[in-house]
N, C-alpha and C. Protein backbone atom coordinates (compact mmCIF):
# COMPACT_ATOMS: atom_id res chain seq x y z
N MET A 1 -28.60 -26.72 -24.93
CA MET A 1 -27.22 -27.07 -24.58
C MET A 1 -27.18 -27.81 -23.24
N THR A 2 -26.29 -28.78 -23.14
CA THR A 2 -26.15 -29.52 -21.89
C THR A 2 -25.24 -28.76 -20.94
N ASP A 3 -25.22 -29.23 -19.69
CA ASP A 3 -24.36 -28.58 -18.69
C ASP A 3 -22.89 -28.68 -19.02
N THR A 4 -22.52 -29.69 -19.83
CA THR A 4 -21.11 -29.87 -20.17
C THR A 4 -20.74 -29.26 -21.52
N SER A 5 -21.64 -28.51 -22.12
CA SER A 5 -21.28 -27.84 -23.37
C SER A 5 -20.15 -26.86 -23.08
N VAL A 6 -19.34 -26.60 -24.09
CA VAL A 6 -18.21 -25.70 -23.91
C VAL A 6 -18.68 -24.34 -23.43
N MET A 7 -19.75 -23.82 -24.03
CA MET A 7 -20.24 -22.49 -23.65
C MET A 7 -20.69 -22.46 -22.19
N ASN A 8 -21.35 -23.50 -21.73
CA ASN A 8 -21.78 -23.53 -20.33
C ASN A 8 -20.59 -23.61 -19.37
N ILE A 9 -19.57 -24.36 -19.75
CA ILE A 9 -18.37 -24.43 -18.91
C ILE A 9 -17.69 -23.06 -18.87
N ILE A 10 -17.62 -22.39 -20.02
CA ILE A 10 -17.04 -21.03 -20.07
C ILE A 10 -17.84 -20.10 -19.16
N ARG A 11 -19.15 -20.16 -19.24
CA ARG A 11 -19.99 -19.26 -18.42
C ARG A 11 -19.87 -19.57 -16.94
N ARG A 12 -19.67 -20.84 -16.61
CA ARG A 12 -19.64 -21.26 -15.21
C ARG A 12 -18.30 -21.01 -14.54
N ARG A 13 -17.22 -20.99 -15.33
CA ARG A 13 -15.87 -20.91 -14.77
C ARG A 13 -15.66 -19.63 -13.97
N ARG A 14 -15.04 -19.78 -12.81
CA ARG A 14 -14.71 -18.65 -11.95
C ARG A 14 -13.31 -18.86 -11.38
N SER A 15 -12.64 -17.78 -11.10
CA SER A 15 -11.40 -17.86 -10.33
C SER A 15 -11.78 -18.06 -8.87
N ILE A 16 -11.25 -19.11 -8.28
CA ILE A 16 -11.58 -19.42 -6.88
C ILE A 16 -10.27 -19.40 -6.09
N SER A 17 -10.20 -18.49 -5.14
CA SER A 17 -8.95 -18.30 -4.42
C SER A 17 -8.87 -19.10 -3.12
N LYS A 18 -10.01 -19.54 -2.59
CA LYS A 18 -10.00 -20.28 -1.33
C LYS A 18 -10.26 -21.76 -1.64
N MET A 19 -9.30 -22.59 -1.22
CA MET A 19 -9.36 -24.02 -1.52
C MET A 19 -9.15 -24.85 -0.27
N THR A 20 -9.67 -26.07 -0.31
CA THR A 20 -9.45 -27.01 0.78
C THR A 20 -8.04 -27.59 0.64
N ASP A 21 -7.65 -28.42 1.59
CA ASP A 21 -6.35 -29.08 1.53
C ASP A 21 -6.37 -30.34 0.66
N GLN A 22 -7.56 -30.72 0.19
CA GLN A 22 -7.67 -31.95 -0.60
C GLN A 22 -6.89 -31.80 -1.91
N MET A 23 -6.10 -32.81 -2.20
CA MET A 23 -5.20 -32.78 -3.35
C MET A 23 -5.88 -33.38 -4.58
N PRO A 24 -5.85 -32.68 -5.72
CA PRO A 24 -6.29 -33.34 -6.96
C PRO A 24 -5.39 -34.54 -7.25
N THR A 25 -5.91 -35.50 -7.98
CA THR A 25 -5.11 -36.68 -8.30
C THR A 25 -4.13 -36.37 -9.42
N ARG A 26 -3.11 -37.19 -9.51
CA ARG A 26 -2.16 -37.03 -10.62
C ARG A 26 -2.87 -37.20 -11.96
N GLN A 27 -3.82 -38.12 -12.02
CA GLN A 27 -4.58 -38.34 -13.26
C GLN A 27 -5.34 -37.07 -13.66
N GLN A 28 -5.97 -36.39 -12.70
CA GLN A 28 -6.66 -35.14 -12.99
C GLN A 28 -5.69 -34.07 -13.51
N ILE A 29 -4.52 -33.99 -12.88
CA ILE A 29 -3.53 -32.99 -13.28
C ILE A 29 -3.03 -33.29 -14.69
N GLU A 30 -2.78 -34.55 -14.99
CA GLU A 30 -2.33 -34.92 -16.34
C GLU A 30 -3.40 -34.60 -17.38
N TYR A 31 -4.65 -34.77 -17.03
CA TYR A 31 -5.76 -34.43 -17.93
C TYR A 31 -5.76 -32.92 -18.21
N ILE A 32 -5.55 -32.13 -17.19
CA ILE A 32 -5.48 -30.67 -17.32
C ILE A 32 -4.29 -30.28 -18.20
N LEU A 33 -3.15 -30.91 -17.99
CA LEU A 33 -1.96 -30.61 -18.78
C LEU A 33 -2.17 -31.01 -20.25
N GLU A 34 -2.83 -32.13 -20.46
CA GLU A 34 -3.08 -32.53 -21.85
C GLU A 34 -3.96 -31.51 -22.56
N ALA A 35 -4.96 -30.98 -21.85
CA ALA A 35 -5.83 -29.96 -22.46
C ALA A 35 -5.01 -28.77 -22.93
N ALA A 36 -3.99 -28.41 -22.15
CA ALA A 36 -3.13 -27.28 -22.52
C ALA A 36 -2.45 -27.52 -23.86
N THR A 37 -2.05 -28.76 -24.10
CA THR A 37 -1.26 -29.06 -25.30
C THR A 37 -2.08 -28.99 -26.58
N HIS A 38 -3.37 -28.84 -26.46
CA HIS A 38 -4.23 -28.72 -27.65
C HIS A 38 -4.51 -27.27 -28.02
N ALA A 39 -3.85 -26.34 -27.36
CA ALA A 39 -4.05 -24.91 -27.66
C ALA A 39 -3.46 -24.57 -29.03
N PRO A 40 -4.05 -23.59 -29.71
CA PRO A 40 -3.46 -23.16 -30.97
C PRO A 40 -2.11 -22.51 -30.71
N ASN A 41 -1.16 -22.75 -31.62
CA ASN A 41 0.16 -22.12 -31.46
C ASN A 41 0.79 -21.90 -32.82
N HIS A 42 1.43 -20.75 -32.95
CA HIS A 42 2.02 -20.34 -34.21
C HIS A 42 3.17 -21.27 -34.60
N HIS A 43 3.19 -21.68 -35.87
CA HIS A 43 4.26 -22.52 -36.43
C HIS A 43 4.39 -23.86 -35.71
N ARG A 44 3.37 -24.23 -34.95
CA ARG A 44 3.38 -25.50 -34.21
C ARG A 44 4.63 -25.67 -33.35
N VAL A 45 5.05 -24.58 -32.71
CA VAL A 45 6.25 -24.64 -31.87
C VAL A 45 5.98 -25.17 -30.47
N GLU A 46 4.71 -25.23 -30.06
CA GLU A 46 4.35 -25.72 -28.73
C GLU A 46 5.28 -25.12 -27.67
N PRO A 47 5.17 -23.80 -27.42
CA PRO A 47 6.16 -23.11 -26.60
C PRO A 47 6.00 -23.30 -25.10
N TRP A 48 5.03 -24.07 -24.66
CA TRP A 48 4.72 -24.17 -23.23
C TRP A 48 5.54 -25.25 -22.54
N LYS A 49 5.80 -25.02 -21.26
CA LYS A 49 6.36 -26.03 -20.36
C LYS A 49 5.60 -25.91 -19.05
N PHE A 50 5.57 -26.98 -18.29
CA PHE A 50 4.80 -27.02 -17.04
C PHE A 50 5.68 -27.52 -15.90
N ILE A 51 5.54 -26.88 -14.76
CA ILE A 51 6.23 -27.31 -13.54
C ILE A 51 5.15 -27.48 -12.48
N VAL A 52 4.97 -28.70 -12.00
CA VAL A 52 3.91 -29.00 -11.03
C VAL A 52 4.53 -29.08 -9.65
N LEU A 53 4.01 -28.27 -8.73
CA LEU A 53 4.55 -28.17 -7.38
C LEU A 53 3.49 -28.59 -6.37
N ALA A 54 3.88 -29.44 -5.44
CA ALA A 54 2.99 -29.87 -4.35
C ALA A 54 3.85 -30.12 -3.12
N GLY A 55 3.20 -30.36 -2.00
CA GLY A 55 3.91 -30.71 -0.78
C GLY A 55 4.99 -29.72 -0.41
N GLU A 56 6.18 -30.26 -0.09
CA GLU A 56 7.31 -29.45 0.37
C GLU A 56 7.79 -28.47 -0.70
N ALA A 57 7.58 -28.79 -1.95
CA ALA A 57 8.03 -27.89 -3.03
C ALA A 57 7.35 -26.53 -2.93
N ARG A 58 6.11 -26.50 -2.44
CA ARG A 58 5.41 -25.22 -2.26
C ARG A 58 6.07 -24.40 -1.16
N ILE A 59 6.53 -25.08 -0.10
CA ILE A 59 7.22 -24.39 0.99
C ILE A 59 8.53 -23.79 0.48
N GLU A 60 9.26 -24.57 -0.31
CA GLU A 60 10.51 -24.08 -0.89
C GLU A 60 10.25 -22.89 -1.82
N LEU A 61 9.21 -22.98 -2.63
CA LEU A 61 8.86 -21.86 -3.52
C LEU A 61 8.56 -20.62 -2.69
N GLY A 62 7.83 -20.77 -1.60
CA GLY A 62 7.51 -19.64 -0.73
C GLY A 62 8.76 -18.98 -0.18
N GLN A 63 9.75 -19.80 0.19
CA GLN A 63 11.00 -19.25 0.71
C GLN A 63 11.76 -18.47 -0.38
N ILE A 64 11.76 -19.03 -1.59
CA ILE A 64 12.42 -18.33 -2.71
C ILE A 64 11.68 -17.03 -3.04
N MET A 65 10.36 -17.07 -3.03
CA MET A 65 9.58 -15.86 -3.30
C MET A 65 9.86 -14.79 -2.25
N GLN A 66 9.99 -15.23 -0.99
CA GLN A 66 10.31 -14.30 0.09
C GLN A 66 11.71 -13.70 -0.11
N ASP A 67 12.69 -14.53 -0.43
CA ASP A 67 14.05 -14.05 -0.67
C ASP A 67 14.09 -13.07 -1.84
N ALA A 68 13.34 -13.40 -2.89
CA ALA A 68 13.31 -12.54 -4.08
C ALA A 68 12.68 -11.19 -3.75
N LEU A 69 11.61 -11.21 -2.96
CA LEU A 69 10.97 -9.96 -2.56
C LEU A 69 11.92 -9.11 -1.73
N LEU A 70 12.63 -9.74 -0.81
CA LEU A 70 13.59 -9.01 0.02
C LEU A 70 14.68 -8.37 -0.85
N SER A 71 15.14 -9.10 -1.86
CA SER A 71 16.15 -8.54 -2.78
C SER A 71 15.61 -7.34 -3.54
N ARG A 72 14.35 -7.41 -3.96
CA ARG A 72 13.76 -6.29 -4.70
C ARG A 72 13.56 -5.07 -3.81
N MET A 73 13.42 -5.27 -2.51
CA MET A 73 13.18 -4.17 -1.58
C MET A 73 14.44 -3.35 -1.29
N GLY A 74 15.60 -3.94 -1.50
CA GLY A 74 16.83 -3.20 -1.26
C GLY A 74 17.15 -3.09 0.22
N ASP A 75 17.46 -1.87 0.67
CA ASP A 75 17.97 -1.64 2.02
C ASP A 75 16.89 -1.25 3.03
N VAL A 76 15.67 -1.66 2.81
CA VAL A 76 14.59 -1.34 3.76
C VAL A 76 14.81 -2.15 5.04
N PRO A 77 14.68 -1.54 6.21
CA PRO A 77 14.85 -2.29 7.47
C PRO A 77 13.82 -3.43 7.57
N LEU A 78 14.30 -4.59 7.99
CA LEU A 78 13.43 -5.77 8.09
C LEU A 78 12.20 -5.54 8.96
N THR A 79 12.35 -4.76 10.00
CA THR A 79 11.22 -4.52 10.91
C THR A 79 10.04 -3.85 10.19
N GLN A 80 10.33 -3.11 9.13
CA GLN A 80 9.27 -2.41 8.40
C GLN A 80 8.54 -3.31 7.41
N VAL A 81 9.17 -4.41 7.03
CA VAL A 81 8.59 -5.24 5.96
C VAL A 81 8.36 -6.70 6.37
N GLN A 82 8.55 -7.00 7.65
CA GLN A 82 8.47 -8.38 8.10
C GLN A 82 7.13 -9.04 7.76
N SER A 83 6.02 -8.34 7.99
CA SER A 83 4.71 -8.96 7.71
C SER A 83 4.52 -9.18 6.21
N GLN A 84 5.02 -8.27 5.39
CA GLN A 84 4.93 -8.43 3.93
C GLN A 84 5.75 -9.64 3.47
N LEU A 85 6.91 -9.83 4.06
CA LEU A 85 7.75 -10.98 3.72
C LEU A 85 7.10 -12.29 4.14
N GLU A 86 6.50 -12.30 5.31
CA GLU A 86 5.82 -13.51 5.79
C GLU A 86 4.62 -13.84 4.89
N GLN A 87 3.90 -12.82 4.48
CA GLN A 87 2.76 -13.03 3.59
C GLN A 87 3.22 -13.62 2.25
N GLU A 88 4.33 -13.11 1.73
CA GLU A 88 4.87 -13.62 0.46
C GLU A 88 5.26 -15.09 0.59
N GLU A 89 5.86 -15.44 1.72
CA GLU A 89 6.29 -16.82 1.94
C GLU A 89 5.10 -17.79 2.00
N ARG A 90 3.96 -17.32 2.51
CA ARG A 90 2.77 -18.17 2.66
C ARG A 90 1.96 -18.33 1.37
N LYS A 91 2.19 -17.47 0.39
CA LYS A 91 1.35 -17.49 -0.82
C LYS A 91 1.22 -18.88 -1.47
N PRO A 92 2.31 -19.62 -1.66
CA PRO A 92 2.16 -20.92 -2.31
C PRO A 92 1.37 -21.96 -1.51
N LEU A 93 1.09 -21.67 -0.24
CA LEU A 93 0.35 -22.62 0.59
C LEU A 93 -1.16 -22.42 0.48
N ARG A 94 -1.59 -21.50 -0.37
CA ARG A 94 -3.02 -21.23 -0.53
C ARG A 94 -3.73 -22.32 -1.33
N ALA A 95 -2.98 -23.22 -1.95
CA ALA A 95 -3.58 -24.31 -2.73
C ALA A 95 -2.69 -25.54 -2.59
N PRO A 96 -3.26 -26.74 -2.69
CA PRO A 96 -2.43 -27.95 -2.55
C PRO A 96 -1.50 -28.20 -3.74
N VAL A 97 -1.82 -27.60 -4.90
CA VAL A 97 -1.00 -27.79 -6.10
C VAL A 97 -0.85 -26.44 -6.79
N ILE A 98 0.34 -26.19 -7.30
CA ILE A 98 0.58 -25.03 -8.16
C ILE A 98 1.21 -25.55 -9.45
N ILE A 99 0.67 -25.09 -10.57
CA ILE A 99 1.29 -25.41 -11.86
C ILE A 99 1.85 -24.11 -12.43
N ALA A 100 3.17 -24.05 -12.55
CA ALA A 100 3.80 -22.92 -13.22
C ALA A 100 3.79 -23.21 -14.72
N VAL A 101 3.25 -22.27 -15.48
CA VAL A 101 3.14 -22.44 -16.93
C VAL A 101 4.12 -21.47 -17.58
N ILE A 102 5.05 -22.03 -18.33
CA ILE A 102 6.16 -21.27 -18.89
C ILE A 102 6.00 -21.14 -20.40
N SER A 103 6.30 -19.95 -20.91
CA SER A 103 6.39 -19.73 -22.36
C SER A 103 7.86 -19.60 -22.72
N GLU A 104 8.33 -20.48 -23.57
CA GLU A 104 9.73 -20.44 -23.98
C GLU A 104 9.97 -19.30 -24.96
N PHE A 105 11.09 -18.62 -24.82
CA PHE A 105 11.49 -17.61 -25.80
C PHE A 105 11.77 -18.34 -27.11
N PRO A 106 11.40 -17.74 -28.25
CA PRO A 106 11.56 -18.45 -29.54
C PRO A 106 13.00 -18.87 -29.81
N ARG A 107 13.16 -20.11 -30.22
CA ARG A 107 14.46 -20.62 -30.63
C ARG A 107 14.58 -20.65 -32.16
N LEU A 108 13.49 -20.32 -32.85
CA LEU A 108 13.46 -20.31 -34.31
C LEU A 108 13.35 -18.87 -34.79
N GLU A 109 14.04 -18.54 -35.86
CA GLU A 109 14.09 -17.14 -36.30
C GLU A 109 12.75 -16.61 -36.77
N TYR A 110 11.86 -17.48 -37.24
CA TYR A 110 10.56 -17.01 -37.74
C TYR A 110 9.49 -16.98 -36.66
N ALA A 111 9.79 -17.42 -35.45
CA ALA A 111 8.82 -17.38 -34.35
C ALA A 111 8.99 -16.08 -33.57
N LEU A 112 7.89 -15.57 -33.04
CA LEU A 112 7.90 -14.32 -32.28
C LEU A 112 7.59 -14.60 -30.81
N ASP A 113 8.26 -13.87 -29.93
CA ASP A 113 8.06 -14.03 -28.50
C ASP A 113 6.60 -13.79 -28.12
N ILE A 114 6.01 -12.72 -28.64
CA ILE A 114 4.63 -12.41 -28.26
C ILE A 114 3.68 -13.52 -28.71
N GLU A 115 3.95 -14.15 -29.83
CA GLU A 115 3.09 -15.23 -30.30
C GLU A 115 3.23 -16.46 -29.41
N ASN A 116 4.44 -16.71 -28.88
CA ASN A 116 4.60 -17.81 -27.93
C ASN A 116 3.83 -17.54 -26.64
N VAL A 117 3.88 -16.29 -26.16
CA VAL A 117 3.14 -15.92 -24.95
C VAL A 117 1.63 -16.05 -25.20
N GLU A 118 1.18 -15.62 -26.38
CA GLU A 118 -0.25 -15.73 -26.71
C GLU A 118 -0.68 -17.19 -26.74
N ALA A 119 0.12 -18.04 -27.36
CA ALA A 119 -0.21 -19.46 -27.43
C ALA A 119 -0.23 -20.09 -26.03
N THR A 120 0.73 -19.71 -25.20
CA THR A 120 0.78 -20.25 -23.85
C THR A 120 -0.42 -19.76 -23.03
N SER A 121 -0.85 -18.53 -23.27
CA SER A 121 -2.05 -18.03 -22.59
C SER A 121 -3.28 -18.82 -23.02
N ALA A 122 -3.35 -19.19 -24.29
CA ALA A 122 -4.45 -20.04 -24.75
C ALA A 122 -4.40 -21.40 -24.06
N ALA A 123 -3.19 -21.91 -23.86
CA ALA A 123 -3.03 -23.18 -23.14
C ALA A 123 -3.54 -23.07 -21.71
N VAL A 124 -3.24 -21.92 -21.07
CA VAL A 124 -3.72 -21.69 -19.70
C VAL A 124 -5.25 -21.68 -19.67
N GLN A 125 -5.86 -21.01 -20.63
CA GLN A 125 -7.33 -20.98 -20.67
C GLN A 125 -7.90 -22.39 -20.83
N ASN A 126 -7.29 -23.21 -21.68
CA ASN A 126 -7.73 -24.60 -21.80
C ASN A 126 -7.66 -25.30 -20.45
N MET A 127 -6.59 -25.05 -19.71
CA MET A 127 -6.42 -25.68 -18.40
C MET A 127 -7.51 -25.24 -17.44
N LEU A 128 -7.84 -23.96 -17.45
CA LEU A 128 -8.87 -23.45 -16.54
C LEU A 128 -10.24 -24.02 -16.88
N LEU A 129 -10.53 -24.19 -18.16
CA LEU A 129 -11.84 -24.72 -18.56
C LEU A 129 -11.96 -26.20 -18.18
N VAL A 130 -10.90 -26.95 -18.36
CA VAL A 130 -10.93 -28.37 -17.99
C VAL A 130 -11.00 -28.53 -16.48
N THR A 131 -10.34 -27.62 -15.76
CA THR A 131 -10.44 -27.63 -14.30
C THR A 131 -11.90 -27.47 -13.88
N GLU A 132 -12.60 -26.57 -14.54
CA GLU A 132 -14.04 -26.38 -14.25
C GLU A 132 -14.82 -27.63 -14.58
N GLU A 133 -14.52 -28.25 -15.71
CA GLU A 133 -15.20 -29.49 -16.10
C GLU A 133 -15.04 -30.56 -15.02
N LEU A 134 -13.87 -30.62 -14.39
CA LEU A 134 -13.59 -31.63 -13.36
C LEU A 134 -14.17 -31.28 -12.00
N GLY A 135 -14.73 -30.07 -11.86
CA GLY A 135 -15.27 -29.65 -10.57
C GLY A 135 -14.21 -29.18 -9.60
N LEU A 136 -13.01 -28.89 -10.09
CA LEU A 136 -11.93 -28.39 -9.25
C LEU A 136 -11.97 -26.87 -9.19
N ALA A 137 -11.14 -26.32 -8.34
CA ALA A 137 -11.00 -24.86 -8.21
C ALA A 137 -9.64 -24.47 -8.75
N ALA A 138 -9.59 -23.30 -9.39
CA ALA A 138 -8.31 -22.80 -9.90
C ALA A 138 -8.35 -21.28 -9.95
N ILE A 139 -7.17 -20.70 -9.85
CA ILE A 139 -7.03 -19.27 -10.07
C ILE A 139 -5.69 -19.04 -10.76
N TRP A 140 -5.69 -18.16 -11.74
CA TRP A 140 -4.50 -17.80 -12.51
C TRP A 140 -3.85 -16.62 -11.81
N ARG A 141 -2.63 -16.82 -11.33
CA ARG A 141 -1.91 -15.76 -10.64
C ARG A 141 -0.58 -15.50 -11.34
N THR A 142 -0.11 -14.25 -11.20
CA THR A 142 1.25 -13.91 -11.64
C THR A 142 1.89 -13.13 -10.50
N GLY A 143 1.93 -11.80 -10.61
CA GLY A 143 2.58 -10.98 -9.59
C GLY A 143 4.07 -10.89 -9.85
N GLU A 144 4.75 -10.11 -9.02
CA GLU A 144 6.18 -9.84 -9.24
C GLU A 144 7.03 -11.10 -9.24
N ALA A 145 6.62 -12.11 -8.48
CA ALA A 145 7.39 -13.35 -8.43
C ALA A 145 7.49 -14.01 -9.80
N ALA A 146 6.46 -13.84 -10.63
CA ALA A 146 6.46 -14.46 -11.96
C ALA A 146 7.51 -13.85 -12.88
N TYR A 147 7.97 -12.64 -12.55
CA TYR A 147 8.92 -11.94 -13.41
C TYR A 147 10.30 -11.86 -12.77
N ASP A 148 10.47 -12.48 -11.64
CA ASP A 148 11.70 -12.36 -10.87
C ASP A 148 12.72 -13.41 -11.30
N ASP A 149 13.96 -12.98 -11.55
CA ASP A 149 15.00 -13.89 -12.01
C ASP A 149 15.37 -14.94 -10.97
N GLN A 150 15.31 -14.61 -9.67
CA GLN A 150 15.61 -15.60 -8.63
C GLN A 150 14.57 -16.73 -8.65
N VAL A 151 13.32 -16.36 -8.79
CA VAL A 151 12.25 -17.36 -8.84
C VAL A 151 12.41 -18.22 -10.09
N LYS A 152 12.66 -17.57 -11.23
CA LYS A 152 12.88 -18.32 -12.48
C LYS A 152 14.04 -19.30 -12.33
N HIS A 153 15.14 -18.82 -11.76
CA HIS A 153 16.32 -19.67 -11.60
C HIS A 153 15.99 -20.90 -10.75
N TRP A 154 15.28 -20.70 -9.63
CA TRP A 154 14.94 -21.82 -8.76
C TRP A 154 14.07 -22.84 -9.50
N LEU A 155 13.18 -22.35 -10.36
CA LEU A 155 12.31 -23.25 -11.12
C LEU A 155 13.00 -23.88 -12.32
N GLY A 156 14.21 -23.42 -12.64
CA GLY A 156 14.91 -23.95 -13.81
C GLY A 156 14.44 -23.31 -15.10
N VAL A 157 13.91 -22.10 -15.00
CA VAL A 157 13.39 -21.37 -16.16
C VAL A 157 14.49 -20.42 -16.65
N GLU A 158 14.71 -20.41 -17.95
CA GLU A 158 15.71 -19.51 -18.53
C GLU A 158 15.29 -18.06 -18.33
N PRO A 159 16.25 -17.14 -18.14
CA PRO A 159 15.90 -15.73 -17.88
C PRO A 159 15.02 -15.10 -18.96
N GLU A 160 15.21 -15.51 -20.22
CA GLU A 160 14.42 -14.91 -21.31
C GLU A 160 13.04 -15.54 -21.48
N ASP A 161 12.80 -16.67 -20.82
CA ASP A 161 11.49 -17.30 -20.87
C ASP A 161 10.53 -16.59 -19.92
N HIS A 162 9.24 -16.83 -20.07
CA HIS A 162 8.22 -16.13 -19.29
C HIS A 162 7.42 -17.12 -18.44
N ILE A 163 7.22 -16.77 -17.17
CA ILE A 163 6.22 -17.49 -16.37
C ILE A 163 4.90 -16.78 -16.64
N VAL A 164 4.08 -17.41 -17.47
CA VAL A 164 2.81 -16.81 -17.87
C VAL A 164 1.77 -16.96 -16.77
N ALA A 165 1.86 -18.04 -16.01
CA ALA A 165 0.86 -18.26 -14.96
C ALA A 165 1.41 -19.14 -13.86
N PHE A 166 0.99 -18.84 -12.65
CA PHE A 166 1.00 -19.79 -11.55
C PHE A 166 -0.47 -20.18 -11.38
N ILE A 167 -0.82 -21.38 -11.78
CA ILE A 167 -2.20 -21.84 -11.60
C ILE A 167 -2.28 -22.52 -10.24
N TYR A 168 -3.03 -21.92 -9.34
CA TYR A 168 -3.28 -22.51 -8.03
C TYR A 168 -4.47 -23.46 -8.20
N LEU A 169 -4.32 -24.70 -7.78
CA LEU A 169 -5.27 -25.76 -8.12
C LEU A 169 -5.65 -26.57 -6.89
N GLY A 170 -6.93 -26.85 -6.76
CA GLY A 170 -7.40 -27.67 -5.65
C GLY A 170 -8.90 -27.88 -5.75
N TYR A 171 -9.53 -28.02 -4.58
CA TYR A 171 -10.99 -28.15 -4.50
C TYR A 171 -11.56 -26.90 -3.85
N PRO A 172 -12.71 -26.43 -4.33
CA PRO A 172 -13.23 -25.15 -3.81
C PRO A 172 -13.64 -25.23 -2.34
N ALA A 173 -13.28 -24.18 -1.60
CA ALA A 173 -13.71 -24.04 -0.21
C ALA A 173 -14.81 -22.99 -0.09
N ILE A 174 -15.15 -22.34 -1.20
CA ILE A 174 -16.20 -21.33 -1.23
C ILE A 174 -17.06 -21.56 -2.47
N PRO A 175 -18.31 -21.09 -2.46
CA PRO A 175 -19.14 -21.26 -3.65
C PRO A 175 -18.67 -20.36 -4.79
N ARG A 176 -19.01 -20.78 -6.00
CA ARG A 176 -18.71 -19.96 -7.17
C ARG A 176 -19.66 -18.77 -7.18
N LEU A 177 -19.10 -17.60 -7.37
CA LEU A 177 -19.91 -16.38 -7.37
C LEU A 177 -20.51 -16.13 -8.74
N GLU A 178 -21.62 -15.41 -8.75
CA GLU A 178 -22.21 -14.99 -10.03
C GLU A 178 -21.32 -13.94 -10.67
N ARG A 179 -21.28 -13.96 -11.98
CA ARG A 179 -20.52 -12.94 -12.70
C ARG A 179 -21.32 -12.50 -13.90
N ARG A 180 -21.36 -11.20 -14.13
CA ARG A 180 -22.06 -10.66 -15.28
C ARG A 180 -21.08 -9.86 -16.10
N PRO A 181 -20.52 -10.45 -17.16
CA PRO A 181 -19.57 -9.72 -17.98
C PRO A 181 -20.23 -8.53 -18.67
N THR A 182 -19.42 -7.55 -19.04
CA THR A 182 -19.91 -6.42 -19.80
C THR A 182 -20.51 -6.93 -21.11
N PRO A 183 -21.71 -6.47 -21.49
CA PRO A 183 -22.33 -6.95 -22.74
C PRO A 183 -21.44 -6.70 -23.94
N ILE A 184 -21.47 -7.63 -24.89
CA ILE A 184 -20.60 -7.53 -26.06
C ILE A 184 -20.87 -6.27 -26.88
N GLU A 185 -22.09 -5.72 -26.79
CA GLU A 185 -22.42 -4.54 -27.58
C GLU A 185 -21.49 -3.36 -27.28
N SER A 186 -21.06 -3.25 -26.03
CA SER A 186 -20.21 -2.11 -25.67
C SER A 186 -18.73 -2.39 -25.92
N LYS A 187 -18.41 -3.59 -26.37
CA LYS A 187 -17.01 -3.97 -26.60
C LYS A 187 -16.73 -4.35 -28.05
N THR A 188 -17.74 -4.23 -28.93
CA THR A 188 -17.61 -4.74 -30.29
C THR A 188 -17.90 -3.66 -31.32
N THR A 189 -17.06 -3.59 -32.34
CA THR A 189 -17.30 -2.74 -33.50
C THR A 189 -17.44 -3.65 -34.72
N TRP A 190 -18.46 -3.41 -35.52
CA TRP A 190 -18.72 -4.23 -36.70
C TRP A 190 -18.41 -3.42 -37.95
N TYR A 191 -17.63 -3.97 -38.86
CA TYR A 191 -17.36 -3.33 -40.16
C TYR A 191 -17.85 -4.27 -41.27
N GLY A 192 -18.48 -3.71 -42.25
CA GLY A 192 -18.90 -4.51 -43.41
C GLY A 192 -20.16 -5.31 -43.18
N TRP A 193 -20.86 -5.03 -42.08
CA TRP A 193 -22.11 -5.74 -41.78
C TRP A 193 -23.28 -4.79 -41.94
N GLU A 194 -24.37 -5.32 -42.45
CA GLU A 194 -25.58 -4.52 -42.56
C GLU A 194 -26.64 -5.12 -41.66
N GLY A 195 -27.40 -4.22 -41.00
CA GLY A 195 -28.50 -4.65 -40.16
C GLY A 195 -28.09 -5.12 -38.81
């Protein structure tokens, strides 16, 4: 197998949380988004949507995430949570680009919400693999902000839709670490097979 075989890209891919300030090109981002659109999806509903955030938009997202966190905290005195709020506000600045990947709630009676989320998750995996192919860094994040109605509203996401991923995207600032997944023998049951 060559270095660019699908299996080698799968084996090589890592979540990389530390990135440089170098911005991926729009062409690279469009290539990643196109890979997402080739994911399998039930009834060919293509339930995914993408919101690409860079520059000042990341700062605005951080402010909304901070406001949303403060709302979820209720009546806690600010002095007790100030550092947590500041940390929340800085989260979107950890990468030069963030792609919010949305799964739309089914608009067709025969489509299921969980199947749309599953299809959108497959789209995210396609994006992560192509990111690896391009030599970029990415990490799939969610957290409470992904489920928060204030954050959804700011992004223009309907309340019943799901933010399946915030993909933080850039160039790696750290080396890819070795990973040894649990062997398939301990995770697999075979029925109807002999030998």
